[in-house]
PDB file of N, CA and C in Angstrom:
ATOM      1  N   MET A   1      25.171  72.286 136.687  1.00  0.00           N
ATOM      2  CA  MET A   1      26.012  73.140 135.750  1.00  0.00           C
ATOM      3  C   MET A   1      25.686  74.638 136.242  1.00  0.00           C
ATOM      4  N   THR A   2      26.919  75.146 135.950  1.00  0.00           N
ATOM      5  CA  THR A   2      26.860  76.762 136.562  1.00  0.00           C
ATOM      6  C   THR A   2      26.503  76.927 134.886  1.00  0.00           C
ATOM      7  N   LYS A   3      26.376  78.258 135.201  1.00  0.00           N
ATOM      8  CA  LYS A   3      25.927  79.357 133.839  1.00  0.00           C
ATOM      9  C   LYS A   3      27.098  79.074 132.616  1.00  0.00           C
ATOM     10  N   LEU A   4      28.376  79.713 133.234  1.00  0.00           N
ATOM     11  CA  LEU A   4      29.919  79.159 132.718  1.00  0.00           C
ATOM     12  C   LEU A   4      30.289  78.297 132.238  1.00  0.00           C
ATOM     13  N   SER A   5      29.550  76.595 132.606  1.00  0.00           N
ATOM     14  CA  SER A   5      30.075  75.547 132.109  1.00  0.00           C
ATOM     15  C   SER A   5      29.079  75.492 130.824  1.00  0.00           C
ATOM     16  N   ILE A   6      28.135  75.871 131.182  1.00  0.00           N
ATOM     17  CA  ILE A   6      27.017  75.534 130.080  1.00  0.00           C
ATOM     18  C   ILE A   6      27.195  76.269 128.593  1.00  0.00           C
ATOM     19  N   PHE A   7      27.740  77.952 129.420  1.00  0.00           N
ATOM     20  CA  PHE A   7      27.736  78.683 128.191  1.00  0.00           C
ATOM     21  C   PHE A   7      29.198  77.975 127.217  1.00  0.00           C
ATOM     22  N   LEU A   8      30.321  77.711 127.955  1.00  0.00           N
ATOM     23  CA  LEU A   8      31.817  77.157 127.260  1.00  0.00           C
ATOM     24  C   LEU A   8      31.088  76.035 126.358  1.00  0.00           C
ATOM     25  N   ALA A   9      30.107  75.019 126.878  1.00  0.00           N
ATOM     26  CA  ALA A   9      29.931  73.606 126.383  1.00  0.00           C
ATOM     27  C   ALA A   9      29.457  73.962 124.997  1.00  0.00           C
ATOM     28  N   ALA A  10      28.256  74.937 125.174  1.00  0.00           N
ATOM     29  CA  ALA A  10      27.659  75.499 123.946  1.00  0.00           C
ATOM     30  C   ALA A  10      28.636  75.836 122.996  1.00  0.00           C
ATOM     31  N   LEU A  11      29.550  76.925 123.189  1.00  0.00           N
ATOM     32  CA  LEU A  11      30.667  77.560 122.330  1.00  0.00           C
ATOM     33  C   LEU A  11      31.193  76.059 122.007  1.00  0.00           C
ATOM     34  N   ALA A  12      31.622  75.391 122.189  1.00  0.00           N
ATOM     35  CA  ALA A  12      32.492  74.348 122.023  1.00  0.00           C
ATOM     36  C   ALA A  12      31.723  73.631 120.664  1.00  0.00           C
ATOM     37  N   LEU A  13      30.553  73.698 120.798  1.00  0.00           N
ATOM     38  CA  LEU A  13      29.530  72.623 120.171  1.00  0.00           C
ATOM     39  C   LEU A  13      29.513  73.876 118.850  1.00  0.00           C
ATOM     40  N   THR A  14      29.228  74.834 119.126  1.00  0.00           N
ATOM     41  CA  THR A  14      29.083  75.813 117.734  1.00  0.00           C
ATOM     42  C   THR A  14      30.276  75.848 116.964  1.00  0.00           C
ATOM     43  N   GLY A  15      31.825  75.511 117.648  1.00  0.00           N
ATOM     44  CA  GLY A  15      32.877  75.657 117.114  1.00  0.00           C
ATOM     45  C   GLY A  15      32.555  74.589 115.995  1.00  0.00           C
ATOM     46  N   ALA A  16      32.666  73.603 116.989  1.00  0.00           N
ATOM     47  CA  ALA A  16      32.964  72.087 115.926  1.00  0.00           C
ATOM     48  C   ALA A  16      31.799  72.027 114.846  1.00  0.00           C
ATOM     49  N   ALA A  17      30.663  72.519 114.852  1.00  0.00           N
ATOM     50  CA  ALA A  17      29.693  72.458 113.906  1.00  0.00           C
ATOM     51  C   ALA A  17      29.940  73.763 112.526  1.00  0.00           C
ATOM     52  N   ALA A  18      30.357  74.642 113.578  1.00  0.00           N
ATOM     53  CA  ALA A  18      31.166  75.297 112.296  1.00  0.00           C
ATOM     54  C   ALA A  18      32.486  74.864 111.846  1.00  0.00           C
ATOM     55  N   ALA A  19      33.343  74.258 111.839  1.00  0.00           N
ATOM     56  CA  ALA A  19      34.594  73.673 111.488  1.00  0.00           C
ATOM     57  C   ALA A  19      33.929  72.521 110.283  1.00  0.00           C
ATOM     58  N   GLN A  20      33.100  72.014 110.600  1.00  0.00           N
ATOM     59  CA  GLN A  20      32.170  70.807 109.972  1.00  0.00           C
ATOM     60  C   GLN A  20      31.831  71.664 108.766  1.00  0.00           C
ATOM     61  N   SER A  21      30.869  72.287 108.651  1.00  0.00           N
ATOM     62  CA  SER A  21      30.514  73.182 107.611  1.00  0.00           C
ATOM     63  C   SER A  21      31.034  74.112 106.655  1.00  0.00           C
ATOM     64  N   ALA A  22      32.146  74.312 107.382  1.00  0.00           N
ATOM     65  CA  ALA A  22      33.028  75.426 106.183  1.00  0.00           C
ATOM     66  C   ALA A  22      33.894  74.641 105.200  1.00  0.00           C
ATOM     67  N   ALA A  23      33.950  73.046 105.466  1.00  0.00           N
ATOM     68  CA  ALA A  23      34.611  72.651 104.296  1.00  0.00           C
ATOM     69  C   ALA A  23      33.575  72.590 102.706  1.00  0.00           C
ATOM     70  N   GLY A  24      32.353  72.627 103.043  1.00  0.00           N
ATOM     71  CA  GLY A  24      31.567  72.917 101.633  1.00  0.00           C
ATOM     72  C   GLY A  24      31.781  71.809 101.032  1.00  0.00           C
ATOM     73  N   GLY A  25      31.445  71.967  99.453  1.00  0.00           N
ATOM     74  CA  GLY A  25      31.597  70.622  98.831  1.00  0.00           C
ATOM     75  C   GLY A  25      30.425  69.539  98.910  1.00  0.00           C
ATOM     76  N   LEU A  26      30.340  68.607  98.131  1.00  0.00           N
ATOM     77  CA  LEU A  26      29.199  67.687  97.965  1.00  0.00           C
ATOM     78  C   LEU A  26      29.244  66.926  99.012  1.00  0.00           C
ATOM     79  N   THR A  27      27.750  66.899  99.153  1.00  0.00           N
ATOM     80  CA  THR A  27      26.842  66.428 100.726  1.00  0.00           C
ATOM     81  C   THR A  27      26.134  65.799 100.696  1.00  0.00           C
ATOM     82  N   GLY A  28      25.786  64.546 101.420  1.00  0.00           N
ATOM     83  CA  GLY A  28      24.597  63.466 101.147  1.00  0.00           C
ATOM     84  C   GLY A  28      22.895  64.327 100.575  1.00  0.00           C
ATOM     85  N   THR A  29      22.289  64.391 101.496  1.00  0.00           N
ATOM     86  CA  THR A  29      20.850  65.345 101.432  1.00  0.00           C
ATOM     87  C   THR A  29      20.935  66.619 102.344  1.00  0.00           C
ATOM     88  N   ALA A  30      21.722  66.923 102.952  1.00  0.00           N
ATOM     89  CA  ALA A  30      22.274  68.315 103.515  1.00  0.00           C
ATOM     90  C   ALA A  30      22.353  69.314 103.037  1.00  0.00           C
ATOM     91  N   GLN A  31      21.993  70.414 103.436  1.00  0.00           N
ATOM     92  CA  GLN A  31      22.482  71.883 102.897  1.00  0.00           C
ATOM     93  C   GLN A  31      23.651  72.141 102.818  1.00  0.00           C
ATOM     94  N   ALA A  32      24.616  72.336 101.972  1.00  0.00           N
ATOM     95  CA  ALA A  32      25.862  72.791 102.000  1.00  0.00           C
ATOM     96  C   ALA A  32      26.121  74.464 103.025  1.00  0.00           C
ATOM     97  N   THR A  33      26.636  74.323 103.937  1.00  0.00           N
ATOM     98  CA  THR A  33      26.760  76.096 104.465  1.00  0.00           C
ATOM     99  C   THR A  33      27.731  76.922 103.366  1.00  0.00           C
ATOM    100  N   HIS A  34      28.392  76.566 103.239  1.00  0.00           N
ATOM    101  CA  HIS A  34      29.372  77.290 102.097  1.00  0.00           C
ATOM    102  C   HIS A  34      29.200  76.729 100.932  1.00  0.00           C
ATOM    103  N   GLY A  35      28.401  76.725 100.082  1.00  0.00           N
ATOM    104  CA  GLY A  35      28.287  76.276  99.137  1.00  0.00           C
ATOM    105  C   GLY A  35      28.409  75.161  98.556  1.00  0.00           C
ATOM    106  N   GLY A  36      28.759  74.039  97.096  1.00  0.00           N
ATOM    107  CA  GLY A  36      28.150  73.252  97.099  1.00  0.00           C
ATOM    108  C   GLY A  36      27.169  72.308  96.872  1.00  0.00           C
ATOM    109  N   PHE A  37      26.882  71.265  96.532  1.00  0.00           N
ATOM    110  CA  PHE A  37      25.383  70.773  96.390  1.00  0.00           C
ATOM    111  C   PHE A  37      25.120  70.104  97.047  1.00  0.00           C
ATOM    112  N   THR A  38      23.584  69.628  96.938  1.00  0.00           N
ATOM    113  CA  THR A  38      23.131  68.975  97.764  1.00  0.00           C
ATOM    114  C   THR A  38      22.607  67.419  97.136  1.00  0.00           C
ATOM    115  N   GLY A  39      22.624  66.464  97.384  1.00  0.00           N
ATOM    116  CA  GLY A  39      23.057  65.032  96.395  1.00  0.00           C
ATOM    117  C   GLY A  39      21.947  64.392  96.787  1.00  0.00           C
ATOM    118  N   PRO A  40      21.674  63.144  96.519  1.00  0.00           N
ATOM    119  CA  PRO A  40      22.656  62.529  95.517  1.00  0.00           C
ATOM    120  C   PRO A  40      22.148  62.986  93.977  1.00  0.00           C
ATOM    121  N   MET A  41      23.298  63.169  93.159  1.00  0.00           N
ATOM    122  CA  MET A  41      23.067  63.533  91.457  1.00  0.00           C
ATOM    123  C   MET A  41      23.467  61.738  90.836  1.00  0.00           C
ATOM    124  N   ALA A  42      22.448  61.929  90.032  1.00  0.00           N
ATOM    125  CA  ALA A  42      22.670  60.873  88.896  1.00  0.00           C
ATOM    126  C   ALA A  42      23.993  61.197  88.186  1.00  0.00           C
ATOM    127  N   LEU A  43      24.644  60.062  87.880  1.00  0.00           N
ATOM    128  CA  LEU A  43      26.039  60.130  86.831  1.00  0.00           C
ATOM    129  C   LEU A  43      25.107  60.150  85.292  1.00  0.00           C
ATOM    130  N   VAL A  44      25.610  60.986  84.499  1.00  0.00           N
ATOM    131  CA  VAL A  44      24.864  61.116  83.412  1.00  0.00           C
ATOM    132  C   VAL A  44      26.545  61.145  82.328  1.00  0.00           C
ATOM    133  N   THR A  45      25.765  60.811  81.322  1.00  0.00           N
ATOM    134  CA  THR A  45      27.170  60.854  80.087  1.00  0.00           C
ATOM    135  C   THR A  45      27.265  62.213  79.602  1.00  0.00           C
ATOM    136  N   ALA A  46      28.465  62.421  78.472  1.00  0.00           N
ATOM    137  CA  ALA A  46      28.398  63.817  77.798  1.00  0.00           C
ATOM    138  C   ALA A  46      27.403  63.945  77.202  1.00  0.00           C
ATOM    139  N   GLU A  47      27.072  63.146  76.425  1.00  0.00           N
ATOM    140  CA  GLU A  47      25.983  63.476  74.964  1.00  0.00           C
ATOM    141  C   GLU A  47      24.752  63.507  75.757  1.00  0.00           C
ATOM    142  N   HIS A  48      24.332  62.982  76.839  1.00  0.00           N
ATOM    143  CA  HIS A  48      23.048  63.336  77.574  1.00  0.00           C
ATOM    144  C   HIS A  48      23.200  64.681  78.165  1.00  0.00           C
ATOM    145  N   ALA A  49      24.289  65.001  79.123  1.00  0.00           N
ATOM    146  CA  ALA A  49      24.248  66.196  79.641  1.00  0.00           C
ATOM    147  C   ALA A  49      24.174  67.515  78.612  1.00  0.00           C
ATOM    148  N   LYS A  50      24.271  67.728  77.531  1.00  0.00           N
ATOM    149  CA  LYS A  50      24.114  68.500  76.031  1.00  0.00           C
ATOM    150  C   LYS A  50      22.548  68.696  75.752  1.00  0.00           C
ATOM    151  N   THR A  51      21.987  67.925  76.540  1.00  0.00           N
ATOM    152  CA  THR A  51      20.624  67.685  76.189  1.00  0.00           C
ATOM    153  C   THR A  51      19.355  68.318  77.273  1.00  0.00           C
ATOM    154  N   LEU A  52      20.212  68.345  78.429  1.00  0.00           N
ATOM    155  CA  LEU A  52      19.752  68.984  79.843  1.00  0.00           C
ATOM    156  C   LEU A  52      19.701  70.393  79.642  1.00  0.00           C
ATOM    157  N   PRO A  53      18.106  70.848  80.853  1.00  0.00           N
ATOM    158  CA  PRO A  53      18.396  72.557  80.805  1.00  0.00           C
ATOM    159  C   PRO A  53      19.436  72.998  81.389  1.00  0.00           C
ATOM    160  N   ASP A  54      19.545  74.441  81.069  1.00  0.00           N
ATOM    161  CA  ASP A  54      20.156  75.064  81.994  1.00  0.00           C
ATOM    162  C   ASP A  54      20.202  75.474  83.168  1.00  0.00           C
ATOM    163  N   ASP A  55      21.255  75.163  83.944  1.00  0.00           N
ATOM    164  CA  ASP A  55      21.675  75.038  85.516  1.00  0.00           C
ATOM    165  C   ASP A  55      21.154  73.713  85.942  1.00  0.00           C
ATOM    166  N   THR A  56      21.038  72.910  84.924  1.00  0.00           N
ATOM    167  CA  THR A  56      21.085  71.282  85.726  1.00  0.00           C
ATOM    168  C   THR A  56      22.315  70.887  86.330  1.00  0.00           C
ATOM    169  N   LYS A  57      22.352  70.403  87.681  1.00  0.00           N
ATOM    170  CA  LYS A  57      23.628  69.639  88.219  1.00  0.00           C
ATOM    171  C   LYS A  57      23.650  68.393  87.688  1.00  0.00           C
ATOM    172  N   VAL A  58      24.851  68.087  87.531  1.00  0.00           N
ATOM    173  CA  VAL A  58      25.206  66.715  86.771  1.00  0.00           C
ATOM    174  C   VAL A  58      26.508  66.481  87.574  1.00  0.00           C
ATOM    175  N   THR A  59      26.720  64.855  87.409  1.00  0.00           N
ATOM    176  CA  THR A  59      27.765  64.300  87.439  1.00  0.00           C
ATOM    177  C   THR A  59      28.443  63.445  86.495  1.00  0.00           C
ATOM    178  N   LEU A  60      29.766  63.810  85.888  1.00  0.00           N
ATOM    179  CA  LEU A  60      30.134  62.938  84.847  1.00  0.00           C
ATOM    180  C   LEU A  60      31.697  61.999  85.333  1.00  0.00           C
ATOM    181  N   GLN A  61      31.442  61.105  84.713  1.00  0.00           N
ATOM    182  CA  GLN A  61      32.690  60.632  84.848  1.00  0.00           C
ATOM    183  C   GLN A  61      33.624  60.199  83.466  1.00  0.00           C
ATOM    184  N   GLY A  62      35.015  60.591  83.142  1.00  0.00           N
ATOM    185  CA  GLY A  62      35.791  60.185  81.747  1.00  0.00           C
ATOM    186  C   GLY A  62      36.945  60.989  82.316  1.00  0.00           C
ATOM    187  N   GLN A  63      37.469  61.481  80.923  1.00  0.00           N
ATOM    188  CA  GLN A  63      38.889  62.210  80.718  1.00  0.00           C
ATOM    189  C   GLN A  63      38.601  63.281  80.497  1.00  0.00           C
ATOM    190  N   ILE A  64      39.712  64.048  80.957  1.00  0.00           N
ATOM    191  CA  ILE A  64      39.956  65.574  80.095  1.00  0.00           C
ATOM    192  C   ILE A  64      40.868  65.341  79.014  1.00  0.00           C
ATOM    193  N   ASP A  65      40.058  65.401  77.927  1.00  0.00           N
ATOM    194  CA  ASP A  65      40.930  65.297  76.359  1.00  0.00           C
ATOM    195  C   ASP A  65      42.031  66.159  76.256  1.00  0.00           C
ATOM    196  N   SER A  66      41.688  67.527  76.480  1.00  0.00           N
ATOM    197  CA  SER A  66      42.605  68.463  75.633  1.00  0.00           C
ATOM    198  C   SER A  66      42.122  69.975  76.520  1.00  0.00           C
ATOM    199  N   HIS A  67      42.812  70.807  76.177  1.00  0.00           N
ATOM    200  CA  HIS A  67      42.674  72.198  76.635  1.00  0.00           C
ATOM    201  C   HIS A  67      42.516  73.236  75.573  1.00  0.00           C
ATOM    202  N   LEU A  68      41.270  73.851  75.789  1.00  0.00           N
ATOM    203  CA  LEU A  68      40.662  74.293  74.599  1.00  0.00           C
ATOM    204  C   LEU A  68      41.137  76.006  74.422  1.00  0.00           C
ATOM    205  N   GLY A  69      41.991  76.377  75.577  1.00  0.00           N
ATOM    206  CA  GLY A  69      42.111  77.509  76.112  1.00  0.00           C
ATOM    207  C   GLY A  69      41.297  78.067  77.018  1.00  0.00           C
ATOM    208  N   GLY A  70      42.365  79.216  78.066  1.00  0.00           N
ATOM    209  CA  GLY A  70      41.717  79.966  79.499  1.00  0.00           C
ATOM    210  C   GLY A  70      41.347  78.659  80.358  1.00  0.00           C
ATOM    211  N   LYS A  71      40.055  79.063  80.310  1.00  0.00           N
ATOM    212  CA  LYS A  71      39.347  77.729  81.395  1.00  0.00           C
ATOM    213  C   LYS A  71      39.009  76.970  81.079  1.00  0.00           C
ATOM    214  N   ASN A  72      38.970  76.492  79.377  1.00  0.00           N
ATOM    215  CA  ASN A  72      38.090  75.682  78.852  1.00  0.00           C
ATOM    216  C   ASN A  72      39.063  74.408  78.572  1.00  0.00           C
ATOM    217  N   TYR A  73      38.200  73.358  78.676  1.00  0.00           N
ATOM    218  CA  TYR A  73      38.725  72.102  78.058  1.00  0.00           C
ATOM    219  C   TYR A  73      37.451  71.060  77.850  1.00  0.00           C
ATOM    220  N   LEU A  74      38.231  70.203  77.393  1.00  0.00           N
ATOM    221  CA  LEU A  74      37.225  69.114  76.161  1.00  0.00           C
ATOM    222  C   LEU A  74      37.126  67.799  77.055  1.00  0.00           C
ATOM    223  N   PHE A  75      35.923  67.286  78.076  1.00  0.00           N
ATOM    224  CA  PHE A  75      35.914  66.366  78.768  1.00  0.00           C
ATOM    225  C   PHE A  75      35.127  65.247  77.790  1.00  0.00           C
ATOM    226  N   LYS A  76      35.821  63.980  77.594  1.00  0.00           N
ATOM    227  CA  LYS A  76      34.999  62.929  76.886  1.00  0.00           C
ATOM    228  C   LYS A  76      34.843  61.548  77.939  1.00  0.00           C
ATOM    229  N   ASP A  77      34.046  61.045  77.581  1.00  0.00           N
ATOM    230  CA  ASP A  77      34.106  59.736  78.100  1.00  0.00           C
ATOM    231  C   ASP A  77      32.913  58.357  76.581  1.00  0.00           C
ATOM    232  N   ALA A  78      32.803  57.317  77.336  1.00  0.00           N
ATOM    233  CA  ALA A  78      32.202  56.861  76.141  1.00  0.00           C
ATOM    234  C   ALA A  78      31.303  57.120  75.010  1.00  0.00           C
ATOM    235  N   SER A  79      30.242  58.305  75.214  1.00  0.00           N
ATOM    236  CA  SER A  79      29.267  58.756  74.493  1.00  0.00           C
ATOM    237  C   SER A  79      29.456  59.884  73.933  1.00  0.00           C
ATOM    238  N   GLY A  80      30.462  60.577  74.119  1.00  0.00           N
ATOM    239  CA  GLY A  80      31.072  61.506  73.041  1.00  0.00           C
ATOM    240  C   GLY A  80      31.897  62.642  74.046  1.00  0.00           C
ATOM    241  N   THR A  81      31.838  64.024  73.446  1.00  0.00           N
ATOM    242  CA  THR A  81      32.421  64.653  74.126  1.00  0.00           C
ATOM    243  C   THR A  81      31.819  65.969  74.900  1.00  0.00           C
ATOM    244  N   VAL A  82      32.376  67.117  75.541  1.00  0.00           N
ATOM    245  CA  VAL A  82      31.255  68.432  75.926  1.00  0.00           C
ATOM    246  C   VAL A  82      32.303  69.123  76.369  1.00  0.00           C
ATOM    247  N   PRO A  83      32.445  70.534  76.343  1.00  0.00           N
ATOM    248  CA  PRO A  83      33.333  71.355  76.959  1.00  0.00           C
ATOM    249  C   PRO A  83      32.969  71.704  78.476  1.00  0.00           C
ATOM    250  N   ILE A  84      34.135  71.880  78.888  1.00  0.00           N
ATOM    251  CA  ILE A  84      33.518  71.908  80.487  1.00  0.00           C
ATOM    252  C   ILE A  84      34.400  73.270  80.651  1.00  0.00           C
ATOM    253  N   GLU A  85      33.970  73.986  81.355  1.00  0.00           N
ATOM    254  CA  GLU A  85      34.946  75.355  82.273  1.00  0.00           C
ATOM    255  C   GLU A  85      35.102  74.898  83.459  1.00  0.00           C
ATOM    256  N   VAL A  86      36.665  75.152  83.639  1.00  0.00           N
ATOM    257  CA  VAL A  86      37.430  74.484  85.067  1.00  0.00           C
ATOM    258  C   VAL A  86      38.129  75.599  85.836  1.00  0.00           C
ATOM    259  N   ASP A  87      37.627  76.634  86.368  1.00  0.00           N
ATOM    260  CA  ASP A  87      38.582  77.991  87.386  1.00  0.00           C
ATOM    261  C   ASP A  87      39.383  77.052  87.998  1.00  0.00           C
ATOM    262  N   SER A  88      40.668  77.841  88.014  1.00  0.00           N
ATOM    263  CA  SER A  88      41.705  77.267  88.703  1.00  0.00           C
ATOM    264  C   SER A  88      41.828  76.708  90.159  1.00  0.00           C
ATOM    265  N   LYS A  89      40.640  77.394  90.978  1.00  0.00           N
ATOM    266  CA  LYS A  89      40.636  77.144  92.462  1.00  0.00           C
ATOM    267  C   LYS A  89      39.868  75.187  92.030  1.00  0.00           C
ATOM    268  N   ARG A  90      39.269  74.966  91.191  1.00  0.00           N
ATOM    269  CA  ARG A  90      38.525  73.567  91.165  1.00  0.00           C
ATOM    270  C   ARG A  90      39.936  72.396  90.844  1.00  0.00           C
ATOM    271  N   TRP A  91      40.890  72.613  90.668  1.00  0.00           N
ATOM    272  CA  TRP A  91      41.488  71.624  90.490  1.00  0.00           C
ATOM    273  C   TRP A  91      42.663  71.432  91.556  1.00  0.00           C
ATOM    274  N   GLN A  92      42.428  72.011  92.877  1.00  0.00           N
ATOM    275  CA  GLN A  92      43.017  71.877  94.085  1.00  0.00           C
ATOM    276  C   GLN A  92      44.134  71.070  94.195  1.00  0.00           C
ATOM    277  N   GLY A  93      45.118  71.479  93.381  1.00  0.00           N
ATOM    278  CA  GLY A  93      46.422  71.014  93.336  1.00  0.00           C
ATOM    279  C   GLY A  93      46.431  70.039  92.696  1.00  0.00           C
ATOM    280  N   GLN A  94      45.355  69.139  91.797  1.00  0.00           N
ATOM    281  CA  GLN A  94      45.648  67.992  91.353  1.00  0.00           C
ATOM    282  C   GLN A  94      46.067  68.224  90.031  1.00  0.00           C
ATOM    283  N   ALA A  95      46.942  67.170  89.400  1.00  0.00           N
ATOM    284  CA  ALA A  95      47.662  66.982  88.307  1.00  0.00           C
ATOM    285  C   ALA A  95      46.956  66.021  87.576  1.00  0.00           C
ATOM    286  N   VAL A  96      46.374  66.621  86.220  1.00  0.00           N
ATOM    287  CA  VAL A  96      45.567  65.640  85.636  1.00  0.00           C
ATOM    288  C   VAL A  96      45.678  65.200  84.399  1.00  0.00           C
ATOM    289  N   ALA A  97      46.237  64.751  83.695  1.00  0.00           N
ATOM    290  CA  ALA A  97      46.316  63.511  82.174  1.00  0.00           C
ATOM    291  C   ALA A  97      45.383  63.138  81.429  1.00  0.00           C
ATOM    292  N   PRO A  98      45.389  63.378  80.292  1.00  0.00           N
ATOM    293  CA  PRO A  98      44.380  63.216  79.215  1.00  0.00           C
ATOM    294  C   PRO A  98      44.150  61.408  79.769  1.00  0.00           C
ATOM    295  N   LEU A  99      44.405  60.998  80.106  1.00  0.00           N
ATOM    296  CA  LEU A  99      44.579  59.277  80.761  1.00  0.00           C
ATOM    297  C   LEU A  99      43.966  59.276  81.821  1.00  0.00           C
ATOM    298  N   ASP A 100      43.811  59.857  82.891  1.00  0.00           N
ATOM    299  CA  ASP A 100      43.545  59.971  83.954  1.00  0.00           C
ATOM    300  C   ASP A 100      41.890  59.795  84.093  1.00  0.00           C
ATOM    301  N   ARG A 101      41.206  59.031  84.441  1.00  0.00           N
ATOM    302  CA  ARG A 101      40.047  59.178  85.041  1.00  0.00           C
ATOM    303  C   ARG A 101      39.324  60.209  85.708  1.00  0.00           C
ATOM    304  N   VAL A 102      38.576  60.936  85.782  1.00  0.00           N
ATOM    305  CA  VAL A 102      37.922  62.081  86.853  1.00  0.00           C
ATOM    306  C   VAL A 102      36.399  61.807  86.952  1.00  0.00           C
ATOM    307  N   GLN A 103      36.080  62.735  88.062  1.00  0.00           N
ATOM    308  CA  GLN A 103      34.717  62.920  88.253  1.00  0.00           C
ATOM    309  C   GLN A 103      34.562  64.006  88.210  1.00  0.00           C
ATOM    310  N   ILE A 104      33.498  64.906  87.851  1.00  0.00           N
ATOM    311  CA  ILE A 104      33.160  65.979  87.353  1.00  0.00           C
ATOM    312  C   ILE A 104      31.836  65.836  88.052  1.00  0.00           C
ATOM    313  N   ASP A 105      31.663  66.826  89.262  1.00  0.00           N
ATOM    314  CA  ASP A 105      30.263  67.641  89.561  1.00  0.00           C
ATOM    315  C   ASP A 105      29.943  69.148  88.818  1.00  0.00           C
ATOM    316  N   GLY A 106      29.224  69.104  88.382  1.00  0.00           N
ATOM    317  CA  GLY A 106      28.741  70.821  87.830  1.00  0.00           C
ATOM    318  C   GLY A 106      27.468  70.866  87.294  1.00  0.00           C
ATOM    319  N   GLU A 107      27.675  71.932  86.647  1.00  0.00           N
ATOM    320  CA  GLU A 107      26.155  72.558  85.894  1.00  0.00           C
ATOM    321  C   GLU A 107      26.539  72.849  84.889  1.00  0.00           C
ATOM    322  N   VAL A 108      25.192  72.555  83.940  1.00  0.00           N
ATOM    323  CA  VAL A 108      24.926  73.130  82.349  1.00  0.00           C
ATOM    324  C   VAL A 108      25.030  74.397  82.434  1.00  0.00           C
ATOM    325  N   GLU A 109      25.376  74.780  81.202  1.00  0.00           N
ATOM    326  CA  GLU A 109      25.608  75.974  81.215  1.00  0.00           C
ATOM    327  C   GLU A 109      25.278  76.404  79.540  1.00  0.00           C
ATOM    328  N   ARG A 110      24.121  77.029  79.508  1.00  0.00           N
ATOM    329  CA  ARG A 110      23.915  76.929  77.827  1.00  0.00           C
ATOM    330  C   ARG A 110      23.976  78.702  77.348  1.00  0.00           C
ATOM    331  N   GLN A 111      24.369  78.811  76.459  1.00  0.00           N
ATOM    332  CA  GLN A 111      24.667  80.289  76.033  1.00  0.00           C
ATOM    333  C   GLN A 111      24.210  80.186  74.558  1.00  0.00           C
ATOM    334  N   ARG A 112      23.536  80.538  73.982  1.00  0.00           N
ATOM    335  CA  ARG A 112      22.724  80.608  72.800  1.00  0.00           C
ATOM    336  C   ARG A 112      22.774  79.182  72.007  1.00  0.00           C
ATOM    337  N   ASP A 113      23.654  79.120  71.487  1.00  0.00           N
ATOM    338  CA  ASP A 113      23.737  77.255  70.542  1.00  0.00           C
ATOM    339  C   ASP A 113      24.921  76.655  71.423  1.00  0.00           C
ATOM    340  N   THR A 114      25.414  77.090  72.679  1.00  0.00           N
ATOM    341  CA  THR A 114      26.664  76.420  72.882  1.00  0.00           C
ATOM    342  C   THR A 114      26.062  75.372  74.048  1.00  0.00           C
ATOM    343  N   VAL A 115      26.662  74.624  74.891  1.00  0.00           N
ATOM    344  CA  VAL A 115      26.593  74.094  75.909  1.00  0.00           C
ATOM    345  C   VAL A 115      27.650  73.481  76.363  1.00  0.00           C
ATOM    346  N   LYS A 116      28.010  74.347  77.501  1.00  0.00           N
ATOM    347  CA  LYS A 116      29.372  73.346  78.349  1.00  0.00           C
ATOM    348  C   LYS A 116      28.848  73.058  80.128  1.00  0.00           C
ATOM    349  N   ILE A 117      29.940  72.262  80.468  1.00  0.00           N
ATOM    350  CA  ILE A 117      29.448  72.124  81.924  1.00  0.00           C
ATOM    351  C   ILE A 117      30.685  73.286  82.928  1.00  0.00           C
ATOM    352  N   GLU A 118      29.668  73.905  83.597  1.00  0.00           N
ATOM    353  CA  GLU A 118      30.710  74.955  84.492  1.00  0.00           C
ATOM    354  C   GLU A 118      30.788  73.712  85.887  1.00  0.00           C
ATOM    355  N   VAL A 119      32.586  73.721  85.999  1.00  0.00           N
ATOM    356  CA  VAL A 119      32.681  72.322  87.299  1.00  0.00           C
ATOM    357  C   VAL A 119      32.782  73.329  88.479  1.00  0.00           C
ATOM    358  N   LYS A 120      32.239  72.687  89.118  1.00  0.00           N
ATOM    359  CA  LYS A 120      32.074  72.785  90.695  1.00  0.00           C
ATOM    360  C   LYS A 120      33.028  71.975  91.963  1.00  0.00           C
ATOM    361  N   GLN A 121      33.309  71.110  91.218  1.00  0.00           N
ATOM    362  CA  GLN A 121      33.861  70.043  91.781  1.00  0.00           C
ATOM    363  C   GLN A 121      34.828  68.973  90.822  1.00  0.00           C
ATOM    364  N   LEU A 122      35.850  68.563  91.264  1.00  0.00           N
ATOM    365  CA  LEU A 122      36.623  67.716  90.501  1.00  0.00           C
ATOM    366  C   LEU A 122      37.755  66.799  91.142  1.00  0.00           C
ATOM    367  N   GLN A 123      37.432  65.634  90.789  1.00  0.00           N
ATOM    368  CA  GLN A 123      38.477  64.707  91.697  1.00  0.00           C
ATOM    369  C   GLN A 123      39.067  63.538  90.609  1.00  0.00           C
ATOM    370  N   LYS A 124      40.045  63.206  90.906  1.00  0.00           N
ATOM    371  CA  LYS A 124      40.907  62.452  89.860  1.00  0.00           C
ATOM    372  C   LYS A 124      40.443  61.226  90.686  1.00  0.00           C
ATOM    373  N   LEU A 125      39.932  60.029  89.730  1.00  0.00           N
ATOM    374  CA  LEU A 125      39.727  58.639  90.063  1.00  0.00           C
ATOM    375  C   LEU A 125      40.883  57.508  90.163  1.00  0.00           C
TER     376      LEU A 125
END
């Protein structure tokens, strides 16, 4: 192979790898290049999530029960409720009604006497 052929092959492989890592999001056990979690993460209940330390990564499944104002919503599952914070980019064009089941990947956020889940990824099930 010529030096030019080797260079072009290496360039093509680099471009493919960059395109794959640019997606970000939840990955199995590999580190995401552009944010996201490394996993796997265990499914926890709303009530259990409220007992976890600050910055703990969590996955919850249930419904978004109501809008509390701004980016704040109330998430519920069979165990109870927990406030969540959802930035507009996390909706990714999904319309979610209170009866729709969702999966939320996020982090526990503790401030003084309050606990909420900062949503990093939201998926309608």
